[in-house]
N, C-alpha and C. Protein backbone atom coordinates (compact mmCIF):
# COMPACT_ATOMS: atom_id res chain seq x y z
N MET A 1 125.88 118.75 111.09
CA MET A 1 124.49 118.41 111.30
C MET A 1 123.64 119.67 111.07
N LYS A 2 122.55 119.50 110.34
CA LYS A 2 121.68 120.62 110.00
C LYS A 2 120.89 121.06 111.24
N ALA A 3 120.85 122.35 111.49
CA ALA A 3 120.15 122.89 112.66
C ALA A 3 118.65 123.00 112.38
N GLY A 4 117.85 122.80 113.42
CA GLY A 4 116.41 123.00 113.35
C GLY A 4 115.60 121.84 112.80
N ILE A 5 116.22 120.68 112.56
CA ILE A 5 115.45 119.55 112.03
C ILE A 5 115.13 118.49 113.08
N HIS A 6 115.71 118.60 114.25
CA HIS A 6 115.48 117.62 115.31
C HIS A 6 114.40 118.12 116.27
N PRO A 7 113.56 117.20 116.79
CA PRO A 7 112.48 117.61 117.70
C PRO A 7 113.03 118.15 119.02
N GLU A 8 112.28 119.07 119.58
CA GLU A 8 112.70 119.70 120.85
C GLU A 8 112.17 118.97 122.07
N ASN A 9 111.06 118.21 121.92
CA ASN A 9 110.40 117.60 123.09
C ASN A 9 110.84 116.14 123.31
N TYR A 10 112.12 115.86 123.16
CA TYR A 10 112.68 114.53 123.38
C TYR A 10 112.82 114.32 124.88
N ARG A 11 112.08 113.33 125.44
CA ARG A 11 112.07 113.13 126.89
C ARG A 11 111.84 111.65 127.21
N VAL A 12 111.97 111.27 128.47
CA VAL A 12 111.71 109.90 128.91
C VAL A 12 110.20 109.69 128.98
N VAL A 13 109.73 108.61 128.36
CA VAL A 13 108.30 108.29 128.29
C VAL A 13 108.12 106.84 128.74
N ALA A 14 107.02 106.57 129.45
CA ALA A 14 106.67 105.22 129.86
C ALA A 14 105.73 104.61 128.82
N PHE A 15 106.07 103.43 128.34
CA PHE A 15 105.23 102.68 127.42
C PHE A 15 104.64 101.50 128.18
N LYS A 16 103.31 101.32 128.11
CA LYS A 16 102.65 100.26 128.85
C LYS A 16 101.97 99.30 127.88
N ASP A 17 102.36 98.02 127.95
CA ASP A 17 101.73 96.98 127.15
C ASP A 17 100.43 96.60 127.84
N MET A 18 99.29 96.86 127.19
CA MET A 18 97.99 96.64 127.82
C MET A 18 97.62 95.17 127.91
N SER A 19 98.28 94.29 127.16
CA SER A 19 97.93 92.87 127.22
C SER A 19 98.54 92.16 128.43
N ASN A 20 99.67 92.67 128.94
CA ASN A 20 100.27 92.02 130.11
C ASN A 20 100.70 93.02 131.19
N GLU A 21 100.32 94.28 131.05
CA GLU A 21 100.58 95.32 132.05
C GLU A 21 102.06 95.63 132.26
N GLU A 22 102.94 95.22 131.35
CA GLU A 22 104.38 95.50 131.45
C GLU A 22 104.63 96.98 131.11
N VAL A 23 105.47 97.64 131.89
CA VAL A 23 105.81 99.04 131.66
C VAL A 23 107.31 99.15 131.45
N PHE A 24 107.72 99.88 130.40
CA PHE A 24 109.14 100.13 130.20
C PHE A 24 109.35 101.58 129.82
N LEU A 25 110.52 102.10 130.18
CA LEU A 25 110.86 103.50 129.95
C LEU A 25 111.86 103.62 128.81
N THR A 26 111.65 104.62 127.98
CA THR A 26 112.59 104.93 126.91
C THR A 26 112.38 106.38 126.50
N LYS A 27 113.32 106.93 125.76
CA LYS A 27 113.18 108.30 125.30
C LYS A 27 112.32 108.34 124.04
N SER A 28 111.46 109.36 123.96
CA SER A 28 110.55 109.46 122.82
C SER A 28 110.04 110.90 122.69
N THR A 29 109.47 111.18 121.52
CA THR A 29 108.81 112.46 121.29
C THR A 29 107.30 112.28 121.17
N ALA A 30 106.79 111.09 121.50
CA ALA A 30 105.37 110.78 121.37
C ALA A 30 104.54 111.71 122.25
N ASP A 31 103.46 112.26 121.66
CA ASP A 31 102.55 113.13 122.40
C ASP A 31 101.53 112.29 123.16
N THR A 32 101.26 112.67 124.39
CA THR A 32 100.29 111.96 125.20
C THR A 32 99.73 112.89 126.27
N ASN A 33 98.50 112.60 126.70
CA ASN A 33 97.87 113.40 127.75
C ASN A 33 97.88 112.68 129.08
N GLU A 34 98.18 111.38 129.09
CA GLU A 34 98.15 110.59 130.30
C GLU A 34 99.54 110.50 130.93
N THR A 35 99.56 110.25 132.24
CA THR A 35 100.82 110.06 132.96
C THR A 35 100.72 108.82 133.82
N ILE A 36 101.87 108.31 134.25
CA ILE A 36 101.93 107.15 135.13
C ILE A 36 103.08 107.36 136.11
N ASP A 37 102.91 106.83 137.32
CA ASP A 37 103.94 106.92 138.34
C ASP A 37 104.76 105.63 138.33
N VAL A 38 106.05 105.74 138.06
CA VAL A 38 106.96 104.59 138.04
C VAL A 38 108.08 104.87 139.03
N ASP A 39 108.15 104.07 140.07
CA ASP A 39 109.19 104.21 141.11
C ASP A 39 109.23 105.61 141.70
N GLY A 40 108.07 106.20 141.93
CA GLY A 40 107.98 107.51 142.56
C GLY A 40 108.19 108.69 141.63
N THR A 41 108.36 108.46 140.34
CA THR A 41 108.54 109.53 139.36
C THR A 41 107.41 109.46 138.35
N GLU A 42 106.85 110.59 138.00
CA GLU A 42 105.75 110.64 137.05
C GLU A 42 106.29 110.84 135.63
N TYR A 43 105.80 109.98 134.70
CA TYR A 43 106.22 110.02 133.30
C TYR A 43 105.00 110.11 132.39
N PRO A 44 105.15 110.69 131.21
CA PRO A 44 104.08 110.62 130.22
C PRO A 44 103.86 109.16 129.84
N LEU A 45 102.60 108.77 129.58
CA LEU A 45 102.25 107.38 129.32
C LEU A 45 101.74 107.19 127.90
N VAL A 46 102.30 106.18 127.21
CA VAL A 46 101.81 105.76 125.90
C VAL A 46 101.37 104.31 126.05
N LYS A 47 100.11 104.01 125.69
CA LYS A 47 99.58 102.65 125.82
C LYS A 47 99.77 101.91 124.50
N LEU A 48 100.24 100.65 124.61
CA LEU A 48 100.48 99.80 123.45
C LEU A 48 99.59 98.57 123.50
N GLU A 49 99.16 98.10 122.34
CA GLU A 49 98.39 96.86 122.27
C GLU A 49 99.31 95.66 122.42
N ILE A 50 100.50 95.75 121.86
CA ILE A 50 101.44 94.64 121.88
C ILE A 50 102.86 95.20 121.88
N SER A 51 103.76 94.53 122.56
CA SER A 51 105.15 94.98 122.62
C SER A 51 106.07 93.75 122.59
N ARG A 52 107.34 93.97 122.80
CA ARG A 52 108.30 92.87 122.79
C ARG A 52 108.04 91.88 123.91
N THR A 53 107.35 92.29 124.97
CA THR A 53 107.09 91.38 126.09
C THR A 53 105.88 90.49 125.87
N SER A 54 105.06 90.78 124.86
CA SER A 54 103.88 89.95 124.62
C SER A 54 103.77 89.44 123.18
N HIS A 55 104.62 89.90 122.28
CA HIS A 55 104.53 89.46 120.88
C HIS A 55 105.05 88.03 120.76
N PRO A 56 104.31 87.15 120.07
CA PRO A 56 104.71 85.74 119.97
C PRO A 56 106.10 85.53 119.35
N PHE A 57 106.52 86.39 118.45
CA PHE A 57 107.84 86.24 117.83
C PHE A 57 108.95 86.36 118.87
N TYR A 58 108.82 87.30 119.80
CA TYR A 58 109.85 87.54 120.81
C TYR A 58 109.73 86.60 122.01
N THR A 59 108.50 86.20 122.34
CA THR A 59 108.30 85.37 123.52
C THR A 59 108.46 83.88 123.22
N GLY A 60 108.30 83.49 121.95
CA GLY A 60 108.38 82.08 121.59
C GLY A 60 107.10 81.33 121.84
N LYS A 61 106.07 82.02 122.28
CA LYS A 61 104.77 81.40 122.55
C LYS A 61 103.80 81.84 121.46
N SER A 62 103.15 80.88 120.82
CA SER A 62 102.18 81.24 119.80
C SER A 62 100.77 80.98 120.32
N LYS A 63 99.84 81.75 119.84
CA LYS A 63 98.45 81.59 120.24
C LYS A 63 97.73 80.76 119.18
N LEU A 64 96.85 79.89 119.64
CA LEU A 64 96.06 79.09 118.73
C LEU A 64 94.93 79.95 118.18
N VAL A 65 94.88 80.04 116.86
CA VAL A 65 93.84 80.84 116.21
C VAL A 65 92.75 79.89 115.74
N ASP A 66 91.51 80.24 116.00
CA ASP A 66 90.37 79.43 115.61
C ASP A 66 90.13 79.59 114.11
N THR A 67 90.94 78.90 113.30
CA THR A 67 90.83 79.05 111.84
C THR A 67 89.59 78.39 111.31
N ALA A 68 89.17 77.28 111.91
CA ALA A 68 87.97 76.60 111.43
C ALA A 68 86.76 77.50 111.59
N GLY A 69 86.64 78.16 112.70
CA GLY A 69 85.52 79.08 112.92
C GLY A 69 85.56 80.25 111.96
N ARG A 70 86.73 80.76 111.66
CA ARG A 70 86.88 81.88 110.74
C ARG A 70 86.51 81.46 109.32
N ILE A 71 86.90 80.25 108.94
CA ILE A 71 86.59 79.76 107.59
C ILE A 71 85.10 79.54 107.44
N ASP A 72 84.47 78.96 108.46
CA ASP A 72 83.02 78.75 108.41
C ASP A 72 82.27 80.06 108.31
N LYS A 73 82.70 81.05 109.06
CA LYS A 73 82.05 82.37 108.99
C LYS A 73 82.19 82.96 107.60
N PHE A 74 83.36 82.82 107.00
CA PHE A 74 83.60 83.34 105.65
C PHE A 74 82.70 82.63 104.64
N LYS A 75 82.63 81.31 104.72
CA LYS A 75 81.79 80.55 103.78
C LYS A 75 80.32 80.91 103.93
N ASN A 76 79.85 81.05 105.16
CA ASN A 76 78.45 81.43 105.39
C ASN A 76 78.16 82.83 104.87
N LYS A 77 79.09 83.71 105.05
CA LYS A 77 78.90 85.10 104.64
C LYS A 77 78.80 85.22 103.12
N TYR A 78 79.63 84.46 102.39
CA TYR A 78 79.68 84.58 100.94
C TYR A 78 78.98 83.45 100.20
N ALA A 79 78.21 82.63 100.91
CA ALA A 79 77.45 81.53 100.28
C ALA A 79 76.39 82.06 99.34
N LYS A 80 75.84 83.22 99.63
CA LYS A 80 74.77 83.78 98.78
C LYS A 80 75.28 84.21 97.41
N PHE A 81 76.57 84.41 97.25
CA PHE A 81 77.14 84.79 95.96
C PHE A 81 77.51 83.61 95.09
N LYS A 82 77.49 82.42 95.69
CA LYS A 82 77.86 81.20 94.97
C LYS A 82 76.73 80.81 94.02
N LYS A 83 77.07 80.44 92.81
CA LYS A 83 76.03 80.06 91.83
C LYS A 83 76.13 78.62 91.46
């Protein structure tokens, strides 16, 4: 194994899914300025928009997307270009 190519700051980091407040711990080199207390121990905190606990593919729950509203907005926006 080649020396000097692996990161030095490999440590346990808390990742927090902001959509459902789920927190999980794993090792990472992610830089962060925030910390969180988990079971009496303080860990660096990385905030996520979506994770395995809230993603529809992993949970089996899909969200209904308002496609009709999106299509109407698109048509209204680009109606002035129609000839």
